[in-house]
PDB file of N, CA and C in Angstrom:
ATOM      1  N   MET A   1      -7.867  38.144  33.063  1.00  0.00           N
ATOM      2  CA  MET A   1      -7.639  36.855  33.703  1.00  0.00           C
ATOM      3  C   MET A   1      -8.974  36.260  34.148  1.00  0.00           C
ATOM      4  N   TRP A   2      -9.025  34.929  34.122  1.00  0.00           N
ATOM      5  CA  TRP A   2     -10.223  34.238  34.572  1.00  0.00           C
ATOM      6  C   TRP A   2     -10.125  33.948  36.057  1.00  0.00           C
ATOM      7  N   ASP A   3     -11.277  33.804  36.675  1.00  0.00           N
ATOM      8  CA  ASP A   3     -11.327  33.456  38.083  1.00  0.00           C
ATOM      9  C   ASP A   3     -11.401  31.931  38.182  1.00  0.00           C
ATOM     10  N   ALA A   4     -10.463  31.342  38.885  1.00  0.00           N
ATOM     11  CA  ALA A   4     -10.446  29.883  39.029  1.00  0.00           C
ATOM     12  C   ALA A   4     -10.073  29.538  40.461  1.00  0.00           C
ATOM     13  N   ASN A   5     -10.337  28.302  40.824  1.00  0.00           N
ATOM     14  CA  ASN A   5      -9.892  27.848  42.137  1.00  0.00           C
ATOM     15  C   ASN A   5      -9.028  26.605  41.961  1.00  0.00           C
ATOM     16  N   VAL A   6      -8.243  26.325  42.962  1.00  0.00           N
ATOM     17  CA  VAL A   6      -7.272  25.242  42.855  1.00  0.00           C
ATOM     18  C   VAL A   6      -7.965  23.883  42.721  1.00  0.00           C
ATOM     19  N   LYS A   7      -9.155  23.738  43.280  1.00  0.00           N
ATOM     20  CA  LYS A   7      -9.881  22.463  43.161  1.00  0.00           C
ATOM     21  C   LYS A   7     -10.162  22.145  41.694  1.00  0.00           C
ATOM     22  N   ASN A   8     -10.619  23.131  40.944  1.00  0.00           N
ATOM     23  CA  ASN A   8     -10.899  22.903  39.522  1.00  0.00           C
ATOM     24  C   ASN A   8      -9.626  22.591  38.745  1.00  0.00           C
ATOM     25  N   VAL A   9      -8.543  23.249  39.088  1.00  0.00           N
ATOM     26  CA  VAL A   9      -7.264  22.992  38.415  1.00  0.00           C
ATOM     27  C   VAL A   9      -6.808  21.566  38.685  1.00  0.00           C
ATOM     28  N   ILE A  10      -6.862  21.136  39.940  1.00  0.00           N
ATOM     29  CA  ILE A  10      -6.453  19.773  40.301  1.00  0.00           C
ATOM     30  C   ILE A  10      -7.361  18.750  39.624  1.00  0.00           C
ATOM     31  N   CYS A  11      -8.660  19.018  39.571  1.00  0.00           N
ATOM     32  CA  CYS A  11      -9.589  18.101  38.883  1.00  0.00           C
ATOM     33  C   CYS A  11      -9.242  17.992  37.399  1.00  0.00           C
ATOM     34  N   PHE A  12      -8.920  19.114  36.779  1.00  0.00           N
ATOM     35  CA  PHE A  12      -8.550  19.100  35.366  1.00  0.00           C
ATOM     36  C   PHE A  12      -7.263  18.299  35.153  1.00  0.00           C
ATOM     37  N   LEU A  13      -6.261  18.547  35.982  1.00  0.00           N
ATOM     38  CA  LEU A  13      -4.998  17.817  35.848  1.00  0.00           C
ATOM     39  C   LEU A  13      -5.185  16.332  36.145  1.00  0.00           C
ATOM     40  N   THR A  14      -6.066  16.008  37.100  1.00  0.00           N
ATOM     41  CA  THR A  14      -6.372  14.609  37.397  1.00  0.00           C
ATOM     42  C   THR A  14      -7.031  13.938  36.199  1.00  0.00           C
ATOM     43  N   ASP A  15      -7.932  14.645  35.534  1.00  0.00           N
ATOM     44  CA  ASP A  15      -8.570  14.106  34.341  1.00  0.00           C
ATOM     45  C   ASP A  15      -7.531  13.805  33.267  1.00  0.00           C
ATOM     46  N   LEU A  16      -6.579  14.700  33.083  1.00  0.00           N
ATOM     47  CA  LEU A  16      -5.506  14.450  32.116  1.00  0.00           C
ATOM     48  C   LEU A  16      -4.676  13.244  32.531  1.00  0.00           C
ATOM     49  N   TYR A  17      -4.409  13.129  33.829  1.00  0.00           N
ATOM     50  CA  TYR A  17      -3.616  12.010  34.348  1.00  0.00           C
ATOM     51  C   TYR A  17      -4.320  10.675  34.094  1.00  0.00           C
ATOM     52  N   THR A  18      -5.640  10.640  34.295  1.00  0.00           N
ATOM     53  CA  THR A  18      -6.382   9.389  34.090  1.00  0.00           C
ATOM     54  C   THR A  18      -6.446   8.999  32.615  1.00  0.00           C
ATOM     55  N   GLN A  19      -6.138   9.946  31.738  1.00  0.00           N
ATOM     56  CA  GLN A  19      -6.058   9.634  30.304  1.00  0.00           C
ATOM     57  C   GLN A  19      -4.685   9.064  29.938  1.00  0.00           C
ATOM     58  N   GLU A  20      -3.865   8.814  30.976  1.00  0.00           N
ATOM     59  CA  GLU A  20      -2.534   8.238  30.841  1.00  0.00           C
ATOM     60  C   GLU A  20      -1.588   9.110  30.019  1.00  0.00           C
ATOM     61  N   LEU A  21      -1.757  10.422  30.137  1.00  0.00           N
ATOM     62  CA  LEU A  21      -0.837  11.339  29.475  1.00  0.00           C
ATOM     63  C   LEU A  21       0.456  11.406  30.279  1.00  0.00           C
ATOM     64  N   SER A  22       1.523  11.789  29.620  1.00  0.00           N
ATOM     65  CA  SER A  22       2.828  11.806  30.267  1.00  0.00           C
ATOM     66  C   SER A  22       2.941  12.943  31.279  1.00  0.00           C
ATOM     67  N   TYR A  23       3.942  12.819  32.150  1.00  0.00           N
ATOM     68  CA  TYR A  23       4.208  13.862  33.134  1.00  0.00           C
ATOM     69  C   TYR A  23       4.497  15.186  32.426  1.00  0.00           C
ATOM     70  N   GLY A  24       5.264  15.134  31.340  1.00  0.00           N
ATOM     71  CA  GLY A  24       5.597  16.345  30.596  1.00  0.00           C
ATOM     72  C   GLY A  24       4.369  17.040  30.044  1.00  0.00           C
ATOM     73  N   THR A  25       3.401  16.271  29.580  1.00  0.00           N
ATOM     74  CA  THR A  25       2.167  16.840  29.061  1.00  0.00           C
ATOM     75  C   THR A  25       1.384  17.522  30.179  1.00  0.00           C
ATOM     76  N   LEU A  26       1.308  16.869  31.331  1.00  0.00           N
ATOM     77  CA  LEU A  26       0.613  17.488  32.463  1.00  0.00           C
ATOM     78  C   LEU A  26       1.331  18.746  32.937  1.00  0.00           C
ATOM     79  N   ASN A  27       2.644  18.720  32.928  1.00  0.00           N
ATOM     80  CA  ASN A  27       3.399  19.888  33.349  1.00  0.00           C
ATOM     81  C   ASN A  27       3.194  21.044  32.365  1.00  0.00           C
ATOM     82  N   THR A  28       3.096  20.727  31.078  1.00  0.00           N
ATOM     83  CA  THR A  28       2.817  21.756  30.071  1.00  0.00           C
ATOM     84  C   THR A  28       1.429  22.347  30.291  1.00  0.00           C
ATOM     85  N   ALA A  29       0.458  21.495  30.598  1.00  0.00           N
ATOM     86  CA  ALA A  29      -0.902  21.979  30.869  1.00  0.00           C
ATOM     87  C   ALA A  29      -0.908  22.866  32.112  1.00  0.00           C
ATOM     88  N   ARG A  30      -0.173  22.459  33.146  1.00  0.00           N
ATOM     89  CA  ARG A  30      -0.087  23.268  34.360  1.00  0.00           C
ATOM     90  C   ARG A  30       0.532  24.627  34.067  1.00  0.00           C
ATOM     91  N   SER A  31       1.556  24.621  33.252  1.00  0.00           N
ATOM     92  CA  SER A  31       2.217  25.873  32.888  1.00  0.00           C
ATOM     93  C   SER A  31       1.286  26.785  32.088  1.00  0.00           C
ATOM     94  N   ALA A  32       0.557  26.195  31.149  1.00  0.00           N
ATOM     95  CA  ALA A  32      -0.390  26.985  30.348  1.00  0.00           C
ATOM     96  C   ALA A  32      -1.491  27.568  31.231  1.00  0.00           C
ATOM     97  N   LEU A  33      -2.008  26.763  32.143  1.00  0.00           N
ATOM     98  CA  LEU A  33      -3.032  27.258  33.064  1.00  0.00           C
ATOM     99  C   LEU A  33      -2.484  28.393  33.930  1.00  0.00           C
ATOM    100  N   SER A  34      -1.240  28.254  34.355  1.00  0.00           N
ATOM    101  CA  SER A  34      -0.623  29.289  35.171  1.00  0.00           C
ATOM    102  C   SER A  34      -0.539  30.610  34.412  1.00  0.00           C
ATOM    103  N   THR A  35      -0.222  30.519  33.134  1.00  0.00           N
ATOM    104  CA  THR A  35      -0.143  31.723  32.304  1.00  0.00           C
ATOM    105  C   THR A  35      -1.519  32.335  32.098  1.00  0.00           C
ATOM    106  N   ILE A  36      -2.497  31.500  31.831  1.00  0.00           N
ATOM    107  CA  ILE A  36      -3.849  31.989  31.536  1.00  0.00           C
ATOM    108  C   ILE A  36      -4.558  32.496  32.792  1.00  0.00           C
ATOM    109  N   LEU A  37      -4.445  31.725  33.879  1.00  0.00           N
ATOM    110  CA  LEU A  37      -5.214  32.050  35.082  1.00  0.00           C
ATOM    111  C   LEU A  37      -4.528  33.058  35.986  1.00  0.00           C
ATOM    112  N   GLY A  38      -3.227  33.177  35.876  1.00  0.00           N
ATOM    113  CA  GLY A  38      -2.508  34.072  36.783  1.00  0.00           C
ATOM    114  C   GLY A  38      -2.510  33.477  38.179  1.00  0.00           C
ATOM    115  N   LYS A  39      -2.904  34.260  39.149  1.00  0.00           N
ATOM    116  CA  LYS A  39      -2.900  33.800  40.530  1.00  0.00           C
ATOM    117  C   LYS A  39      -4.196  33.059  40.855  1.00  0.00           C
ATOM    118  N   VAL A  40      -4.049  31.978  41.592  1.00  0.00           N
ATOM    119  CA  VAL A  40      -5.178  31.189  42.070  1.00  0.00           C
ATOM    120  C   VAL A  40      -5.092  31.184  43.589  1.00  0.00           C
ATOM    121  N   ASP A  41      -6.140  31.594  44.246  1.00  0.00           N
ATOM    122  CA  ASP A  41      -6.144  31.726  45.708  1.00  0.00           C
ATOM    123  C   ASP A  41      -5.030  32.671  46.164  1.00  0.00           C
ATOM    124  N   GLY A  42      -4.727  33.667  45.354  1.00  0.00           N
ATOM    125  CA  GLY A  42      -3.728  34.673  45.709  1.00  0.00           C
ATOM    126  C   GLY A  42      -2.286  34.252  45.486  1.00  0.00           C
ATOM    127  N   VAL A  43      -2.080  33.081  44.894  1.00  0.00           N
ATOM    128  CA  VAL A  43      -0.730  32.555  44.682  1.00  0.00           C
ATOM    129  C   VAL A  43      -0.596  32.140  43.213  1.00  0.00           C
ATOM    130  N   ALA A  44       0.582  32.347  42.636  1.00  0.00           N
ATOM    131  CA  ALA A  44       0.818  31.861  41.276  1.00  0.00           C
ATOM    132  C   ALA A  44       0.575  30.350  41.257  1.00  0.00           C
ATOM    133  N   LEU A  45      -0.081  29.864  40.225  1.00  0.00           N
ATOM    134  CA  LEU A  45      -0.491  28.464  40.161  1.00  0.00           C
ATOM    135  C   LEU A  45       0.690  27.512  40.340  1.00  0.00           C
ATOM    136  N   GLY A  46       1.808  27.807  39.707  1.00  0.00           N
ATOM    137  CA  GLY A  46       2.979  26.943  39.820  1.00  0.00           C
ATOM    138  C   GLY A  46       3.606  26.943  41.199  1.00  0.00           C
ATOM    139  N   GLU A  47       3.234  27.901  42.034  1.00  0.00           N
ATOM    140  CA  GLU A  47       3.768  27.983  43.391  1.00  0.00           C
ATOM    141  C   GLU A  47       2.737  27.574  44.448  1.00  0.00           C
ATOM    142  N   HIS A  48       1.551  27.195  44.010  1.00  0.00           N
ATOM    143  CA  HIS A  48       0.496  26.786  44.950  1.00  0.00           C
ATOM    144  C   HIS A  48       0.855  25.426  45.538  1.00  0.00           C
ATOM    145  N   LYS A  49       0.806  25.316  46.868  1.00  0.00           N
ATOM    146  CA  LYS A  49       1.238  24.094  47.545  1.00  0.00           C
ATOM    147  C   LYS A  49       0.498  22.854  47.055  1.00  0.00           C
ATOM    148  N   LEU A  50      -0.798  22.949  46.847  1.00  0.00           N
ATOM    149  CA  LEU A  50      -1.559  21.776  46.398  1.00  0.00           C
ATOM    150  C   LEU A  50      -1.149  21.343  44.984  1.00  0.00           C
ATOM    151  N   VAL A  51      -0.882  22.300  44.128  1.00  0.00           N
ATOM    152  CA  VAL A  51      -0.453  21.970  42.763  1.00  0.00           C
ATOM    153  C   VAL A  51       0.942  21.355  42.794  1.00  0.00           C
ATOM    154  N   ILE A  52       1.824  21.919  43.597  1.00  0.00           N
ATOM    155  CA  ILE A  52       3.174  21.359  43.735  1.00  0.00           C
ATOM    156  C   ILE A  52       3.099  19.930  44.256  1.00  0.00           C
ATOM    157  N   ASP A  53       2.302  19.700  45.296  1.00  0.00           N
ATOM    158  CA  ASP A  53       2.150  18.345  45.858  1.00  0.00           C
ATOM    159  C   ASP A  53       1.552  17.386  44.840  1.00  0.00           C
ATOM    160  N   PHE A  54       0.569  17.851  44.069  1.00  0.00           N
ATOM    161  CA  PHE A  54      -0.039  17.006  43.037  1.00  0.00           C
ATOM    162  C   PHE A  54       1.009  16.603  41.999  1.00  0.00           C
ATOM    163  N   MET A  55       1.775  17.575  41.525  1.00  0.00           N
ATOM    164  CA  MET A  55       2.776  17.282  40.495  1.00  0.00           C
ATOM    165  C   MET A  55       3.858  16.345  41.028  1.00  0.00           C
ATOM    166  N   LYS A  56       4.248  16.513  42.291  1.00  0.00           N
ATOM    167  CA  LYS A  56       5.214  15.591  42.893  1.00  0.00           C
ATOM    168  C   LYS A  56       4.621  14.193  42.974  1.00  0.00           C
ATOM    169  N   GLY A  57       3.334  14.133  43.346  1.00  0.00           N
ATOM    170  CA  GLY A  57       2.667  12.844  43.488  1.00  0.00           C
ATOM    171  C   GLY A  57       2.570  12.076  42.182  1.00  0.00           C
ATOM    172  N   ILE A  58       2.312  12.767  41.087  1.00  0.00           N
ATOM    173  CA  ILE A  58       2.192  12.052  39.809  1.00  0.00           C
ATOM    174  C   ILE A  58       3.547  11.756  39.194  1.00  0.00           C
ATOM    175  N   SER A  59       4.586  12.430  39.661  1.00  0.00           N
ATOM    176  CA  SER A  59       5.911  12.179  39.086  1.00  0.00           C
ATOM    177  C   SER A  59       6.475  10.836  39.544  1.00  0.00           C
ATOM    178  N   LYS A  60       5.999  10.331  40.664  1.00  0.00           N
ATOM    179  CA  LYS A  60       6.529   9.063  41.178  1.00  0.00           C
ATOM    180  C   LYS A  60       6.047   7.860  40.363  1.00  0.00           C
ATOM    181  N   PRO A  61       4.735   7.672  40.163  1.00  0.00           N
ATOM    182  CA  PRO A  61       4.310   6.503  39.379  1.00  0.00           C
ATOM    183  C   PRO A  61       4.513   6.675  37.871  1.00  0.00           C
ATOM    184  N   ARG A  62       4.631   7.905  37.423  1.00  0.00           N
ATOM    185  CA  ARG A  62       4.783   8.149  35.989  1.00  0.00           C
ATOM    186  C   ARG A  62       5.855   9.231  35.776  1.00  0.00           C
ATOM    187  N   PRO A  63       7.123   8.880  36.026  1.00  0.00           N
ATOM    188  CA  PRO A  63       8.179   9.892  35.917  1.00  0.00           C
ATOM    189  C   PRO A  63       8.378  10.340  34.469  1.00  0.00           C
ATOM    190  N   ALA A  64       9.019  11.476  34.333  1.00  0.00           N
ATOM    191  CA  ALA A  64       9.319  11.996  33.001  1.00  0.00           C
ATOM    192  C   ALA A  64      10.224  11.005  32.275  1.00  0.00           C
ATOM    193  N   ALA A  65       9.935  10.783  31.016  1.00  0.00           N
ATOM    194  CA  ALA A  65      10.740   9.865  30.206  1.00  0.00           C
ATOM    195  C   ALA A  65      12.071  10.535  29.865  1.00  0.00           C
ATOM    196  N   PRO A  66      13.119   9.727  29.687  1.00  0.00           N
ATOM    197  CA  PRO A  66      14.388  10.321  29.285  1.00  0.00           C
ATOM    198  C   PRO A  66      14.253  11.000  27.924  1.00  0.00           C
ATOM    199  N   ARG A  67      15.015  12.037  27.730  1.00  0.00           N
ATOM    200  CA  ARG A  67      14.929  12.795  26.484  1.00  0.00           C
ATOM    201  C   ARG A  67      15.381  11.956  25.297  1.00  0.00           C
ATOM    202  N   TYR A  68      16.421  11.161  25.507  1.00  0.00           N
ATOM    203  CA  TYR A  68      16.957  10.321  24.429  1.00  0.00           C
ATOM    204  C   TYR A  68      16.957   8.869  24.877  1.00  0.00           C
ATOM    205  N   HIS A  69      16.527   7.989  23.998  1.00  0.00           N
ATOM    206  CA  HIS A  69      16.501   6.570  24.320  1.00  0.00           C
ATOM    207  C   HIS A  69      17.831   5.907  23.973  1.00  0.00           C
ATOM    208  N   VAL A  70      18.524   6.469  22.993  1.00  0.00           N
ATOM    209  CA  VAL A  70      19.796   5.924  22.551  1.00  0.00           C
ATOM    210  C   VAL A  70      20.801   7.061  22.481  1.00  0.00           C
ATOM    211  N   THR A  71      22.000   6.808  22.957  1.00  0.00           N
ATOM    212  CA  THR A  71      23.068   7.793  22.819  1.00  0.00           C
ATOM    213  C   THR A  71      24.268   7.126  22.165  1.00  0.00           C
ATOM    214  N   TRP A  72      25.076   7.919  21.544  1.00  0.00           N
ATOM    215  CA  TRP A  72      26.266   7.393  20.889  1.00  0.00           C
ATOM    216  C   TRP A  72      27.397   7.286  21.882  1.00  0.00           C
ATOM    217  N   ASN A  73      28.249   6.321  21.633  1.00  0.00           N
ATOM    218  CA  ASN A  73      29.455   6.165  22.426  1.00  0.00           C
ATOM    219  C   ASN A  73      30.424   7.260  21.973  1.00  0.00           C
ATOM    220  N   PRO A  74      30.760   8.225  22.836  1.00  0.00           N
ATOM    221  CA  PRO A  74      31.603   9.337  22.403  1.00  0.00           C
ATOM    222  C   PRO A  74      32.999   8.893  21.960  1.00  0.00           C
ATOM    223  N   ASP A  75      33.529   7.819  22.558  1.00  0.00           N
ATOM    224  CA  ASP A  75      34.851   7.339  22.138  1.00  0.00           C
ATOM    225  C   ASP A  75      34.826   6.871  20.686  1.00  0.00           C
ATOM    226  N   LEU A  76      33.768   6.175  20.316  1.00  0.00           N
ATOM    227  CA  LEU A  76      33.636   5.704  18.941  1.00  0.00           C
ATOM    228  C   LEU A  76      33.471   6.874  17.975  1.00  0.00           C
ATOM    229  N   VAL A  77      32.685   7.844  18.342  1.00  0.00           N
ATOM    230  CA  VAL A  77      32.474   9.020  17.497  1.00  0.00           C
ATOM    231  C   VAL A  77      33.789   9.773  17.311  1.00  0.00           C
ATOM    232  N   LEU A  78      34.520   9.990  18.400  1.00  0.00           N
ATOM    233  CA  LEU A  78      35.802  10.700  18.305  1.00  0.00           C
ATOM    234  C   LEU A  78      36.814   9.922  17.473  1.00  0.00           C
ATOM    235  N   LYS A  79      36.805   8.613  17.597  1.00  0.00           N
ATOM    236  CA  LYS A  79      37.719   7.780  16.809  1.00  0.00           C
ATOM    237  C   LYS A  79      37.426   7.926  15.316  1.00  0.00           C
ATOM    238  N   VAL A  80      36.153   7.888  14.956  1.00  0.00           N
ATOM    239  CA  VAL A  80      35.767   8.049  13.548  1.00  0.00           C
ATOM    240  C   VAL A  80      36.128   9.445  13.056  1.00  0.00           C
ATOM    241  N   LEU A  81      35.830  10.460  13.825  1.00  0.00           N
ATOM    242  CA  LEU A  81      36.140  11.829  13.419  1.00  0.00           C
ATOM    243  C   LEU A  81      37.633  12.055  13.270  1.00  0.00           C
ATOM    244  N   SER A  82      38.430  11.455  14.134  1.00  0.00           N
ATOM    245  CA  SER A  82      39.885  11.646  14.043  1.00  0.00           C
ATOM    246  C   SER A  82      40.476  10.925  12.829  1.00  0.00           C
ATOM    247  N   SER A  83      39.750   9.950  12.301  1.00  0.00           N
ATOM    248  CA  SER A  83      40.261   9.223  11.129  1.00  0.00           C
ATOM    249  C   SER A  83      39.991   9.978   9.822  1.00  0.00           C
ATOM    250  N   TRP A  84      39.130  11.008   9.876  1.00  0.00           N
ATOM    251  CA  TRP A  84      38.829  11.788   8.670  1.00  0.00           C
ATOM    252  C   TRP A  84      39.985  12.728   8.363  1.00  0.00           C
ATOM    253  N   ASP A  85      40.252  12.882   7.080  1.00  0.00           N
ATOM    254  CA  ASP A  85      41.257  13.863   6.659  1.00  0.00           C
ATOM    255  C   ASP A  85      40.624  15.243   6.703  1.00  0.00           C
ATOM    256  N   THR A  86      41.389  16.198   7.241  1.00  0.00           N
ATOM    257  CA  THR A  86      40.868  17.575   7.284  1.00  0.00           C
ATOM    258  C   THR A  86      41.635  18.491   6.401  1.00  0.00           C
TER     259      THR A  86
END
């Protein structure tokens, strides 16, 4: 494991944020850093209060995008499926 401090992690995540990357991308980077670095300041990176506060802070102005932009009307789908011969 590498030796790191939370200040460097927050600076790195801030740099990614200023590149206008999505919340999901930053969360993936945080997760990867947590795996690589292990504990930072004696605490798992994902459980470090400053990292948690940072991630909460960036989620407000740039929330995670919905997984799907369009969904099907289930009533219409069921109606079409029921009209098929089985």
